[in-house]
Amino acid sequence: MAEAAPAHDATIVFCSFPERPFPLATAAGRGVVRRARDAGARVLLLDSIAAAFAAPWLALRPPTLPVVGTLHQPAGGIDHGVVRTRVQAPLDRLAFGRARRLLVASELLAEQLAAQGVARERIHVVPPGRDLAPAPAGDPPDLRQGRRAAFLCVANWLERKGVLELLDAFARLPAGAGTLHLAGDERADPAYAARVGERLARPDVAGRVVRHGPLSSPAVAALYAAADVFVLPAVREPYGTVWGEAMAFGLPVVGWRAGNLPYLASDGREALMTTPGDVPALARALLRLAEDEELRLRLGRAARARALARPTWDQTATAFFTAIRAAL
């Protein structure tokens, strides 16, 4: 949105909180709000990652600037332990209670906020764009590596992304069924990454899983273009941008019937979904797509058609800045 701002006669200035253990960054809240005011801003955009840190200052000394919240996670966050989530959630709600409008990434988040008592007229859904940088020119890489299908997962190694469950399911497939490619930050959670590393070392997946690590957008696009199936068994995903991107590339998607996936795709039409935690069912879904090329193509065509009905990043930017101006 910052890159798109000039095209919409706007500028976004970042006033960041220092990286300190929770909740110590709260002490910097007064200074952050002051910097936003001194920058000559007309509106204070409050991101959901930083909302809790600003909450006490917004409550004690409301800024003269109108506040607009930008939410891509529920109150309390999604990657924290139980204690932090319980402490952070009321602070998040306190902060966003001061906002004129809440711009949320998905209908799922909108419904969660409405269930918590937030007036629906204050909530405006602005989903991420589904388009990605084009894949590099030339022949796509051979991701199958002599097997029947190439499975792709784009996810940082976090427990809620379900990488371990994916490996357990993939291990149940016959050796020739497919090759699994993992792209994403492997250091996002060191403890979880150690568990994933141990799982990858077991012989039932050895030689069938390719690790790519963090990649640029064009490199990820190249993987989308060359893969046969996208799989992400995330148990909590407020939007799931990678699902939308994969669908726009014509890939059928596989995952749990959880998070925002049911809002993006329908089971049996663009996706195969299973009950969260049912690893055998996840394995059956992967094997079914590995063995049935016609099914892969049918689901992929439907996925692309549905994805193309969603906004591009340019359209998202138009909705984003229009909503902010309406709040002013």
C-alpha atoms as a PDB file:
ATOM      1  CA  MET A   1       0.000   0.000   0.000  1.00  0.00           C
ATOM      2  CA  ALA A   2       2.898   2.365   0.675  1.00  0.00           C
ATOM      3  CA  GLU A   3       4.250   1.717  -2.821  1.00  0.00           C
ATOM      4  CA  ALA A   4       0.803   2.292  -4.319  1.00  0.00           C
ATOM      5  CA  ALA A   5       0.108   5.460  -2.309  1.00  0.00           C
ATOM      6  CA  PRO A   6       1.504   8.066  -4.760  1.00  0.00           C
ATOM      7  CA  ALA A   7      -0.863   6.835  -7.486  1.00  0.00           C
ATOM      8  CA  HIS A   8      -3.712   7.660  -5.097  1.00  0.00           C
ATOM      9  CA  ASP A   9      -2.412  11.101  -4.112  1.00  0.00           C
ATOM     10  CA  ALA A  10      -1.302   9.793  -0.738  1.00  0.00           C
ATOM     11  CA  THR A  11       1.838   9.086   1.267  1.00  0.00           C
ATOM     12  CA  ILE A  12       2.350   6.535   4.026  1.00  0.00           C
ATOM     13  CA  VAL A  13       4.967   7.407   6.644  1.00  0.00           C
ATOM     14  CA  PHE A  14       6.084   4.579   8.939  1.00  0.00           C
ATOM     15  CA  CYS A  15       6.392   5.241  12.675  1.00  0.00           C
ATOM     16  CA  SER A  16       7.566   1.918  14.070  1.00  0.00           C
ATOM     17  CA  PHE A  17       7.726   0.520  17.572  1.00  0.00           C
ATOM     18  CA  PRO A  18      11.096  -0.739  18.814  1.00  0.00           C
ATOM     19  CA  GLU A  19      11.637  -4.483  18.768  1.00  0.00           C
ATOM     20  CA  ARG A  20      11.415  -5.385  22.442  1.00  0.00           C
ATOM     21  CA  PRO A  21       9.969  -8.347  24.357  1.00  0.00           C
ATOM     22  CA  PHE A  22       6.232  -8.042  24.904  1.00  0.00           C
ATOM     23  CA  PRO A  23       4.917  -5.797  26.429  1.00  0.00           C
ATOM     24  CA  LEU A  24       7.968  -3.519  26.820  1.00  0.00           C
ATOM     25  CA  ALA A  25       7.397  -1.801  23.465  1.00  0.00           C
ATOM     26  CA  THR A  26       4.287  -0.239  25.006  1.00  0.00           C
ATOM     27  CA  ALA A  27       6.550   2.303  26.702  1.00  0.00           C
ATOM     28  CA  ALA A  28       7.343   3.775  23.281  1.00  0.00           C
ATOM     29  CA  GLY A  29       3.690   4.295  22.375  1.00  0.00           C
ATOM     30  CA  ARG A  30       3.534   7.962  23.318  1.00  0.00           C
ATOM     31  CA  GLY A  31       6.541   8.781  21.158  1.00  0.00           C
ATOM     32  CA  VAL A  32       5.250   6.810  18.185  1.00  0.00           C
ATOM     33  CA  VAL A  33       1.883   8.590  18.269  1.00  0.00           C
ATOM     34  CA  ARG A  34       3.663  11.945  18.637  1.00  0.00           C
ATOM     35  CA  ARG A  35       5.886  11.254  15.606  1.00  0.00           C
ATOM     36  CA  ALA A  36       2.804  10.481  13.532  1.00  0.00           C
ATOM     37  CA  ARG A  37       1.222  13.763  14.594  1.00  0.00           C
ATOM     38  CA  ASP A  38       4.407  15.774  14.006  1.00  0.00           C
ATOM     39  CA  ALA A  39       4.781  14.261  10.537  1.00  0.00           C
ATOM     40  CA  GLY A  40       1.718  16.225   9.495  1.00  0.00           C
ATOM     41  CA  ALA A  41      -0.400  13.138   8.951  1.00  0.00           C
ATOM     42  CA  ARG A  42      -4.124  13.454   8.356  1.00  0.00           C
ATOM     43  CA  VAL A  43      -4.880   9.977   9.675  1.00  0.00           C
ATOM     44  CA  LEU A  44      -3.159   7.460  11.944  1.00  0.00           C
ATOM     45  CA  LEU A  45      -3.138   3.958  10.437  1.00  0.00           C
ATOM     46  CA  LEU A  46      -2.854   1.466  13.275  1.00  0.00           C
ATOM     47  CA  ASP A  47      -1.661  -1.978  12.213  1.00  0.00           C
ATOM     48  CA  SER A  48      -2.938  -4.963  14.171  1.00  0.00           C
ATOM     49  CA  ILE A  49       0.633  -6.104  14.942  1.00  0.00           C
ATOM     50  CA  ALA A  50       1.262  -2.862  16.868  1.00  0.00           C
ATOM     51  CA  ALA A  51      -2.202  -2.102  18.221  1.00  0.00           C
ATOM     52  CA  ALA A  52      -1.584  -3.409  21.751  1.00  0.00           C
ATOM     53  CA  PHE A  53       1.515  -1.224  22.144  1.00  0.00           C
ATOM     54  CA  ALA A  54      -0.427   1.932  21.275  1.00  0.00           C
ATOM     55  CA  ALA A  55      -3.580   1.062  23.235  1.00  0.00           C
ATOM     56  CA  PRO A  56      -2.753   2.647  26.635  1.00  0.00           C
ATOM     57  CA  TRP A  57      -1.727   5.934  25.029  1.00  0.00           C
ATOM     58  CA  LEU A  58      -4.759   6.065  22.767  1.00  0.00           C
ATOM     59  CA  ALA A  59      -6.967   5.507  25.809  1.00  0.00           C
ATOM     60  CA  LEU A  60      -5.236   7.955  28.157  1.00  0.00           C
ATOM     61  CA  ARG A  61      -4.628  10.710  25.628  1.00  0.00           C
ATOM     62  CA  PRO A  62      -6.643  10.240  22.438  1.00  0.00           C
ATOM     63  CA  PRO A  63      -4.796  11.741  19.466  1.00  0.00           C
ATOM     64  CA  THR A  64      -6.272  14.599  17.508  1.00  0.00           C
ATOM     65  CA  LEU A  65      -5.708  12.515  14.382  1.00  0.00           C
ATOM     66  CA  PRO A  66      -8.509  10.181  13.291  1.00  0.00           C
ATOM     67  CA  VAL A  67      -7.502   6.529  13.699  1.00  0.00           C
ATOM     68  CA  VAL A  68      -8.085   3.807  11.097  1.00  0.00           C
ATOM     69  CA  GLY A  69      -7.227   0.233  12.048  1.00  0.00           C
ATOM     70  CA  THR A  70      -5.709  -2.203   9.553  1.00  0.00           C
ATOM     71  CA  LEU A  71      -6.299  -5.776  10.711  1.00  0.00           C
ATOM     72  CA  HIS A  72      -4.842  -8.979   9.295  1.00  0.00           C
ATOM     73  CA  GLN A  73      -5.115 -11.001  12.500  1.00  0.00           C
ATOM     74  CA  PRO A  74      -7.685 -11.310  15.302  1.00  0.00           C
ATOM     75  CA  ALA A  75      -7.342  -9.650  18.692  1.00  0.00           C
ATOM     76  CA  GLY A  76      -4.499 -11.304  20.582  1.00  0.00           C
ATOM     77  CA  GLY A  77      -2.630 -12.299  17.431  1.00  0.00           C
ATOM     78  CA  ILE A  78      -2.220 -15.795  16.022  1.00  0.00           C
ATOM     79  CA  ASP A  79       1.379 -16.813  16.695  1.00  0.00           C
ATOM     80  CA  HIS A  80       1.701 -16.250  20.444  1.00  0.00           C
ATOM     81  CA  GLY A  81       1.391 -18.419  23.516  1.00  0.00           C
ATOM     82  CA  VAL A  82      -1.723 -18.561  25.683  1.00  0.00           C
ATOM     83  CA  VAL A  83      -0.515 -16.007  28.249  1.00  0.00           C
ATOM     84  CA  ARG A  84       0.461 -13.341  25.732  1.00  0.00           C
ATOM     85  CA  THR A  85      -2.709 -13.871  23.722  1.00  0.00           C
ATOM     86  CA  ARG A  86      -4.853 -13.351  26.812  1.00  0.00           C
ATOM     87  CA  VAL A  87      -2.968 -10.183  27.764  1.00  0.00           C
ATOM     88  CA  GLN A  88      -2.771  -8.764  24.256  1.00  0.00           C
ATOM     89  CA  ALA A  89      -6.380  -9.388  23.178  1.00  0.00           C
ATOM     90  CA  PRO A  90      -8.027  -6.781  25.462  1.00  0.00           C
ATOM     91  CA  LEU A  91      -5.318  -4.259  24.557  1.00  0.00           C
ATOM     92  CA  ASP A  92      -5.983  -4.825  20.864  1.00  0.00           C
ATOM     93  CA  ARG A  93      -9.704  -4.364  21.397  1.00  0.00           C
ATOM     94  CA  LEU A  94      -9.051  -1.199  23.440  1.00  0.00           C
ATOM     95  CA  ALA A  95      -6.954   0.275  20.639  1.00  0.00           C
ATOM     96  CA  PHE A  96      -9.380  -0.530  17.857  1.00  0.00           C
ATOM     97  CA  GLY A  97     -12.245   0.774  19.915  1.00  0.00           C
ATOM     98  CA  ARG A  98     -10.729   4.220  19.231  1.00  0.00           C
ATOM     99  CA  ALA A  99     -10.740   3.723  15.448  1.00  0.00           C
ATOM    100  CA  ARG A 100     -13.296   5.310  13.151  1.00  0.00           C
ATOM    101  CA  ARG A 101     -13.026   2.428  10.712  1.00  0.00           C
ATOM    102  CA  LEU A 102     -11.451  -1.034  10.729  1.00  0.00           C
ATOM    103  CA  LEU A 103     -10.005  -2.273   7.440  1.00  0.00           C
ATOM    104  CA  VAL A 104      -9.846  -6.066   7.664  1.00  0.00           C
ATOM    105  CA  ALA A 105      -8.235  -8.577   5.322  1.00  0.00           C
ATOM    106  CA  SER A 106     -11.080 -11.090   5.087  1.00  0.00           C
ATOM    107  CA  GLU A 107     -14.734 -11.828   5.674  1.00  0.00           C
ATOM    108  CA  LEU A 108     -13.594 -14.271   8.358  1.00  0.00           C
ATOM    109  CA  LEU A 109     -12.033 -11.427  10.363  1.00  0.00           C
ATOM    110  CA  ALA A 110     -15.091  -9.257   9.764  1.00  0.00           C
ATOM    111  CA  GLU A 111     -17.361 -11.954  11.167  1.00  0.00           C
ATOM    112  CA  GLN A 112     -15.077 -12.461  14.175  1.00  0.00           C
ATOM    113  CA  LEU A 113     -15.132  -8.739  14.969  1.00  0.00           C
ATOM    114  CA  ALA A 114     -18.897  -8.527  14.550  1.00  0.00           C
ATOM    115  CA  ALA A 115     -19.308 -11.503  16.911  1.00  0.00           C
ATOM    116  CA  GLN A 116     -17.275  -9.563  19.481  1.00  0.00           C
ATOM    117  CA  GLY A 117     -19.722  -6.670  19.320  1.00  0.00           C
ATOM    118  CA  VAL A 118     -18.041  -4.346  16.811  1.00  0.00           C
ATOM    119  CA  ALA A 119     -20.637  -2.478  14.753  1.00  0.00           C
ATOM    120  CA  ARG A 120     -20.606  -3.824  11.211  1.00  0.00           C
ATOM    121  CA  GLU A 121     -20.693  -0.312   9.732  1.00  0.00           C
ATOM    122  CA  ARG A 122     -17.224   0.299  11.220  1.00  0.00           C
ATOM    123  CA  ILE A 123     -15.793  -2.791   9.460  1.00  0.00           C
ATOM    124  CA  HIS A 124     -14.624  -2.653   5.839  1.00  0.00           C
ATOM    125  CA  VAL A 125     -13.159  -5.715   4.084  1.00  0.00           C
ATOM    126  CA  VAL A 126     -10.106  -4.978   1.923  1.00  0.00           C
ATOM    127  CA  PRO A 127      -8.599  -8.330   0.871  1.00  0.00           C
ATOM    128  CA  PRO A 128      -5.012  -8.695  -0.344  1.00  0.00           C
ATOM    129  CA  GLY A 129      -4.352  -8.785  -4.070  1.00  0.00           C
ATOM    130  CA  ARG A 130      -4.288 -12.170  -5.765  1.00  0.00           C
ATOM    131  CA  ASP A 131      -1.714 -11.239  -8.407  1.00  0.00           C
ATOM    132  CA  LEU A 132       2.004 -11.881  -8.054  1.00  0.00           C
ATOM    133  CA  ALA A 133       5.093 -10.917 -10.013  1.00  0.00           C
ATOM    134  CA  PRO A 134       5.166 -12.932 -13.243  1.00  0.00           C
ATOM    135  CA  ALA A 135       7.299 -16.038 -13.381  1.00  0.00           C
ATOM    136  CA  PRO A 136      10.657 -15.635 -15.165  1.00  0.00           C
ATOM    137  CA  ALA A 137      10.633 -16.296 -18.892  1.00  0.00           C
ATOM    138  CA  GLY A 138      11.823 -19.653 -20.158  1.00  0.00           C
ATOM    139  CA  ASP A 139      10.993 -23.252 -19.546  1.00  0.00           C
ATOM    140  CA  PRO A 140       9.582 -23.933 -16.053  1.00  0.00           C
ATOM    141  CA  PRO A 141      11.697 -26.065 -13.729  1.00  0.00           C
ATOM    142  CA  ASP A 142      10.964 -29.787 -13.459  1.00  0.00           C
ATOM    143  CA  LEU A 143       9.433 -29.988 -10.000  1.00  0.00           C
ATOM    144  CA  ARG A 144       8.107 -33.529 -10.404  1.00  0.00           C
ATOM    145  CA  GLN A 145      11.610 -34.997 -10.620  1.00  0.00           C
ATOM    146  CA  GLY A 146      10.394 -38.177 -12.286  1.00  0.00           C
ATOM    147  CA  ARG A 147       7.350 -38.624 -10.058  1.00  0.00           C
ATOM    148  CA  ARG A 148       3.663 -38.265 -10.906  1.00  0.00           C
ATOM    149  CA  ALA A 149       2.977 -34.815  -9.416  1.00  0.00           C
ATOM    150  CA  ALA A 150       4.715 -31.803  -7.909  1.00  0.00           C
ATOM    151  CA  PHE A 151       3.225 -30.575  -4.626  1.00  0.00           C
ATOM    152  CA  LEU A 152       4.046 -27.051  -3.435  1.00  0.00           C
ATOM    153  CA  CYS A 153       3.722 -25.491   0.024  1.00  0.00           C
ATOM    154  CA  VAL A 154       4.593 -21.817   0.523  1.00  0.00           C
ATOM    155  CA  ALA A 155       4.701 -21.103   4.254  1.00  0.00           C
ATOM    156  CA  ASN A 156       6.999 -19.943   7.006  1.00  0.00           C
ATOM    157  CA  TRP A 157       7.803 -22.726   9.438  1.00  0.00           C
ATOM    158  CA  LEU A 158       5.259 -21.923  12.141  1.00  0.00           C
ATOM    159  CA  GLU A 159       3.182 -24.473  14.015  1.00  0.00           C
ATOM    160  CA  ARG A 160      -0.153 -23.103  12.804  1.00  0.00           C
ATOM    161  CA  LYS A 161       0.954 -23.611   9.181  1.00  0.00           C
ATOM    162  CA  GLY A 162       0.869 -27.399   9.639  1.00  0.00           C
ATOM    163  CA  VAL A 163       4.224 -28.246   8.044  1.00  0.00           C
ATOM    164  CA  LEU A 164       4.729 -31.261  10.325  1.00  0.00           C
ATOM    165  CA  GLU A 165       1.259 -32.609   9.577  1.00  0.00           C
ATOM    166  CA  LEU A 166       1.936 -32.131   5.872  1.00  0.00           C
ATOM    167  CA  LEU A 167       5.154 -34.153   6.106  1.00  0.00           C
ATOM    168  CA  ASP A 168       3.356 -36.906   8.040  1.00  0.00           C
ATOM    169  CA  ALA A 169       0.674 -37.050   5.341  1.00  0.00           C
ATOM    170  CA  PHE A 170       3.175 -36.929   2.482  1.00  0.00           C
ATOM    171  CA  ALA A 171       5.137 -39.798   4.043  1.00  0.00           C
ATOM    172  CA  ARG A 172       2.067 -42.022   3.561  1.00  0.00           C
ATOM    173  CA  LEU A 173       2.185 -41.596  -0.227  1.00  0.00           C
ATOM    174  CA  PRO A 174       3.940 -44.182  -2.419  1.00  0.00           C
ATOM    175  CA  ALA A 175       7.479 -43.183  -3.328  1.00  0.00           C
ATOM    176  CA  GLY A 176       6.568 -42.446  -6.936  1.00  0.00           C
ATOM    177  CA  ALA A 177       3.450 -40.402  -6.225  1.00  0.00           C
ATOM    178  CA  GLY A 178       5.048 -37.004  -5.987  1.00  0.00           C
ATOM    179  CA  THR A 179       7.750 -34.582  -4.946  1.00  0.00           C
ATOM    180  CA  LEU A 180       7.021 -32.016  -2.238  1.00  0.00           C
ATOM    181  CA  HIS A 181       8.547 -28.524  -2.412  1.00  0.00           C
ATOM    182  CA  LEU A 182       8.716 -26.307   0.689  1.00  0.00           C
ATOM    183  CA  ALA A 183       9.273 -22.557   0.272  1.00  0.00           C
ATOM    184  CA  GLY A 184       9.350 -20.119   3.172  1.00  0.00           C
ATOM    185  CA  ASP A 185      11.305 -18.814   6.133  1.00  0.00           C
ATOM    186  CA  GLU A 186      12.664 -21.815   8.024  1.00  0.00           C
ATOM    187  CA  ARG A 187      13.802 -19.678  10.992  1.00  0.00           C
ATOM    188  CA  ALA A 188      10.487 -18.047  11.889  1.00  0.00           C
ATOM    189  CA  ASP A 189      10.199 -20.286  14.977  1.00  0.00           C
ATOM    190  CA  PRO A 190      13.530 -21.973  15.844  1.00  0.00           C
ATOM    191  CA  ALA A 191      11.991 -24.579  18.151  1.00  0.00           C
ATOM    192  CA  TYR A 192       9.417 -25.618  15.577  1.00  0.00           C
ATOM    193  CA  ALA A 193      12.039 -25.548  12.829  1.00  0.00           C
ATOM    194  CA  ALA A 194      14.112 -28.059  14.805  1.00  0.00           C
ATOM    195  CA  ARG A 195      11.146 -30.430  14.900  1.00  0.00           C
ATOM    196  CA  VAL A 196      10.594 -30.021  11.159  1.00  0.00           C
ATOM    197  CA  GLY A 197      14.277 -30.663  10.528  1.00  0.00           C
ATOM    198  CA  GLU A 198      14.128 -33.883  12.538  1.00  0.00           C
ATOM    199  CA  ARG A 199      11.044 -34.992  10.598  1.00  0.00           C
ATOM    200  CA  LEU A 200      12.707 -34.309   7.272  1.00  0.00           C
ATOM    201  CA  ALA A 201      15.640 -36.502   8.280  1.00  0.00           C
ATOM    202  CA  ARG A 202      13.451 -39.601   8.598  1.00  0.00           C
ATOM    203  CA  PRO A 203      13.742 -42.135   5.761  1.00  0.00           C
ATOM    204  CA  ASP A 204      10.024 -42.103   4.844  1.00  0.00           C
ATOM    205  CA  VAL A 205      10.408 -38.656   3.216  1.00  0.00           C
ATOM    206  CA  ALA A 206      14.113 -38.678   2.402  1.00  0.00           C
ATOM    207  CA  GLY A 207      14.865 -37.666  -1.169  1.00  0.00           C
ATOM    208  CA  ARG A 208      11.255 -36.666  -1.890  1.00  0.00           C
ATOM    209  CA  VAL A 209      11.149 -33.212  -0.245  1.00  0.00           C
ATOM    210  CA  VAL A 210      12.948 -30.151  -1.612  1.00  0.00           C
ATOM    211  CA  ARG A 211      13.636 -27.185   0.670  1.00  0.00           C
ATOM    212  CA  HIS A 212      13.815 -23.767  -1.024  1.00  0.00           C
ATOM    213  CA  GLY A 213      13.911 -21.448   1.985  1.00  0.00           C
ATOM    214  CA  PRO A 214      12.742 -17.824   1.650  1.00  0.00           C
ATOM    215  CA  LEU A 215      12.386 -16.717  -1.974  1.00  0.00           C
ATOM    216  CA  SER A 216      11.699 -13.553  -3.970  1.00  0.00           C
ATOM    217  CA  SER A 217       8.252 -13.034  -5.469  1.00  0.00           C
ATOM    218  CA  PRO A 218       9.383 -13.965  -9.014  1.00  0.00           C
ATOM    219  CA  ALA A 219      10.979 -17.162  -7.669  1.00  0.00           C
ATOM    220  CA  VAL A 220       7.764 -18.093  -5.862  1.00  0.00           C
ATOM    221  CA  ALA A 221       5.827 -17.349  -9.038  1.00  0.00           C
ATOM    222  CA  ALA A 222       8.100 -19.768 -10.912  1.00  0.00           C
ATOM    223  CA  LEU A 223       7.211 -22.498  -8.410  1.00  0.00           C
ATOM    224  CA  TYR A 224       3.480 -21.785  -8.739  1.00  0.00           C
ATOM    225  CA  ALA A 225       3.791 -21.969 -12.534  1.00  0.00           C
ATOM    226  CA  ALA A 226       5.590 -25.331 -12.460  1.00  0.00           C
ATOM    227  CA  ALA A 227       3.680 -27.109  -9.665  1.00  0.00           C
ATOM    228  CA  ASP A 228       0.662 -29.393 -10.034  1.00  0.00           C
ATOM    229  CA  VAL A 229      -0.958 -28.971  -6.604  1.00  0.00           C
ATOM    230  CA  PHE A 230      -0.740 -26.414  -3.789  1.00  0.00           C
ATOM    231  CA  VAL A 231      -1.070 -27.673  -0.221  1.00  0.00           C
ATOM    232  CA  LEU A 232      -1.182 -25.697   3.025  1.00  0.00           C
ATOM    233  CA  PRO A 233      -2.821 -27.421   6.022  1.00  0.00           C
ATOM    234  CA  ALA A 234      -2.929 -24.271   8.167  1.00  0.00           C
ATOM    235  CA  VAL A 235      -5.206 -24.463  11.177  1.00  0.00           C
ATOM    236  CA  ARG A 236      -5.415 -20.659  11.652  1.00  0.00           C
ATOM    237  CA  GLU A 237      -5.103 -18.356   8.656  1.00  0.00           C
ATOM    238  CA  PRO A 238      -6.926 -14.993   8.767  1.00  0.00           C
ATOM    239  CA  TYR A 239      -6.690 -14.700   4.979  1.00  0.00           C
ATOM    240  CA  GLY A 240      -4.186 -17.038   3.326  1.00  0.00           C
ATOM    241  CA  THR A 241      -2.685 -14.918   0.559  1.00  0.00           C
ATOM    242  CA  VAL A 242      -0.738 -17.883  -0.823  1.00  0.00           C
ATOM    243  CA  TRP A 243      -3.962 -19.854  -1.361  1.00  0.00           C
ATOM    244  CA  GLY A 244      -5.280 -17.016  -3.515  1.00  0.00           C
ATOM    245  CA  GLU A 245      -2.009 -16.712  -5.427  1.00  0.00           C
ATOM    246  CA  ALA A 246      -1.840 -20.453  -6.106  1.00  0.00           C
ATOM    247  CA  MET A 247      -5.437 -20.480  -7.328  1.00  0.00           C
ATOM    248  CA  ALA A 248      -4.690 -17.570  -9.681  1.00  0.00           C
ATOM    249  CA  PHE A 249      -1.944 -19.747 -11.203  1.00  0.00           C
ATOM    250  CA  GLY A 250      -4.512 -22.482 -11.836  1.00  0.00           C
ATOM    251  CA  LEU A 251      -3.512 -24.815  -9.007  1.00  0.00           C
ATOM    252  CA  PRO A 252      -5.991 -26.914  -7.026  1.00  0.00           C
ATOM    253  CA  VAL A 253      -5.523 -26.275  -3.310  1.00  0.00           C
ATOM    254  CA  VAL A 254      -5.490 -28.758  -0.440  1.00  0.00           C
ATOM    255  CA  GLY A 255      -5.823 -27.981   3.251  1.00  0.00           C
ATOM    256  CA  TRP A 256      -7.859 -28.236   6.424  1.00  0.00           C
ATOM    257  CA  ARG A 257     -11.424 -27.031   6.486  1.00  0.00           C
ATOM    258  CA  ALA A 258     -10.327 -24.192   8.750  1.00  0.00           C
ATOM    259  CA  GLY A 259      -9.345 -20.537   8.835  1.00  0.00           C
ATOM    260  CA  ASN A 260     -10.180 -18.552   5.722  1.00  0.00           C
ATOM    261  CA  LEU A 261      -9.782 -21.391   3.195  1.00  0.00           C
ATOM    262  CA  PRO A 262     -13.526 -22.210   3.110  1.00  0.00           C
ATOM    263  CA  TYR A 263     -14.113 -18.552   2.149  1.00  0.00           C
ATOM    264  CA  LEU A 264     -11.648 -18.782  -0.749  1.00  0.00           C
ATOM    265  CA  ALA A 265     -12.506 -22.181  -2.226  1.00  0.00           C
ATOM    266  CA  SER A 266     -15.159 -24.892  -2.142  1.00  0.00           C
ATOM    267  CA  ASP A 267     -14.398 -28.515  -1.382  1.00  0.00           C
ATOM    268  CA  GLY A 268     -14.681 -30.601  -4.528  1.00  0.00           C
ATOM    269  CA  ARG A 269     -14.852 -27.558  -6.822  1.00  0.00           C
ATOM    270  CA  GLU A 270     -11.521 -25.741  -6.463  1.00  0.00           C
ATOM    271  CA  ALA A 271     -10.060 -27.590  -3.505  1.00  0.00           C
ATOM    272  CA  LEU A 272      -9.932 -30.752  -1.469  1.00  0.00           C
ATOM    273  CA  MET A 273     -10.443 -30.031   2.229  1.00  0.00           C
ATOM    274  CA  THR A 274     -10.242 -32.350   5.203  1.00  0.00           C
ATOM    275  CA  THR A 275     -11.039 -32.155   8.900  1.00  0.00           C
ATOM    276  CA  PRO A 276      -8.279 -30.328  10.801  1.00  0.00           C
ATOM    277  CA  GLY A 277      -5.758 -32.796  12.194  1.00  0.00           C
ATOM    278  CA  ASP A 278      -6.907 -35.762  10.087  1.00  0.00           C
ATOM    279  CA  VAL A 279      -3.524 -36.682   8.612  1.00  0.00           C
ATOM    280  CA  PRO A 280      -4.732 -39.903   6.881  1.00  0.00           C
ATOM    281  CA  ALA A 281      -7.477 -37.921   5.113  1.00  0.00           C
ATOM    282  CA  LEU A 282      -4.941 -35.307   4.057  1.00  0.00           C
ATOM    283  CA  ALA A 283      -2.739 -38.078   2.644  1.00  0.00           C
ATOM    284  CA  ARG A 284      -5.698 -39.511   0.717  1.00  0.00           C
ATOM    285  CA  ALA A 285      -6.445 -36.108  -0.798  1.00  0.00           C
ATOM    286  CA  LEU A 286      -2.836 -35.722  -1.948  1.00  0.00           C
ATOM    287  CA  LEU A 287      -2.726 -39.235  -3.394  1.00  0.00           C
ATOM    288  CA  ARG A 288      -6.028 -38.701  -5.187  1.00  0.00           C
ATOM    289  CA  LEU A 289      -4.640 -35.627  -6.946  1.00  0.00           C
ATOM    290  CA  ALA A 290      -1.335 -37.337  -7.686  1.00  0.00           C
ATOM    291  CA  GLU A 291      -3.110 -40.189  -9.442  1.00  0.00           C
ATOM    292  CA  ASP A 292      -5.911 -38.290 -11.188  1.00  0.00           C
ATOM    293  CA  GLU A 293      -4.587 -35.726 -13.658  1.00  0.00           C
ATOM    294  CA  GLU A 294      -8.068 -34.968 -14.979  1.00  0.00           C
ATOM    295  CA  LEU A 295      -9.237 -34.070 -11.464  1.00  0.00           C
ATOM    296  CA  ARG A 296      -6.178 -31.835 -10.968  1.00  0.00           C
ATOM    297  CA  LEU A 297      -6.903 -29.967 -14.177  1.00  0.00           C
ATOM    298  CA  ARG A 298     -10.615 -29.598 -13.455  1.00  0.00           C
ATOM    299  CA  LEU A 299     -10.074 -28.233  -9.957  1.00  0.00           C
ATOM    300  CA  GLY A 300      -7.245 -26.023 -11.226  1.00  0.00           C
ATOM    301  CA  ARG A 301      -9.391 -24.436 -13.936  1.00  0.00           C
ATOM    302  CA  ALA A 302     -12.133 -23.712 -11.408  1.00  0.00           C
ATOM    303  CA  ALA A 303      -9.581 -22.327  -8.948  1.00  0.00           C
ATOM    304  CA  ARG A 304      -8.174 -19.918 -11.524  1.00  0.00           C
ATOM    305  CA  ALA A 305     -11.642 -18.737 -12.561  1.00  0.00           C
ATOM    306  CA  ARG A 306     -12.608 -18.046  -8.947  1.00  0.00           C
ATOM    307  CA  ALA A 307      -9.298 -16.351  -8.146  1.00  0.00           C
ATOM    308  CA  LEU A 308      -9.524 -14.016 -11.126  1.00  0.00           C
ATOM    309  CA  ALA A 309     -12.781 -12.670  -9.709  1.00  0.00           C
ATOM    310  CA  ARG A 310     -10.837 -11.360  -6.710  1.00  0.00           C
ATOM    311  CA  PRO A 311      -9.071  -7.978  -6.725  1.00  0.00           C
ATOM    312  CA  THR A 312      -5.586  -7.325  -8.008  1.00  0.00           C
ATOM    313  CA  TRP A 313      -3.202  -5.345  -5.822  1.00  0.00           C
ATOM    314  CA  ASP A 314      -4.065  -2.201  -7.818  1.00  0.00           C
ATOM    315  CA  GLN A 315      -7.749  -2.736  -7.107  1.00  0.00           C
ATOM    316  CA  THR A 316      -6.984  -3.449  -3.460  1.00  0.00           C
ATOM    317  CA  ALA A 317      -5.082  -0.161  -3.231  1.00  0.00           C
ATOM    318  CA  THR A 318      -8.047   1.711  -4.682  1.00  0.00           C
ATOM    319  CA  ALA A 319     -10.360   0.145  -2.093  1.00  0.00           C
ATOM    320  CA  PHE A 320      -7.837   0.808   0.696  1.00  0.00           C
ATOM    321  CA  PHE A 321      -7.384   4.534   0.069  1.00  0.00           C
ATOM    322  CA  THR A 322     -11.046   5.055  -0.753  1.00  0.00           C
ATOM    323  CA  ALA A 323     -11.998   3.563   2.622  1.00  0.00           C
ATOM    324  CA  ILE A 324      -9.495   5.781   4.433  1.00  0.00           C
ATOM    325  CA  ARG A 325     -10.817   8.928   2.759  1.00  0.00           C
ATOM    326  CA  ALA A 326     -14.368   7.892   3.635  1.00  0.00           C
ATOM    327  CA  ALA A 327     -13.292   7.635   7.275  1.00  0.00           C
ATOM    328  CA  LEU A 328     -11.982  11.203   7.112  1.00  0.00           C
END
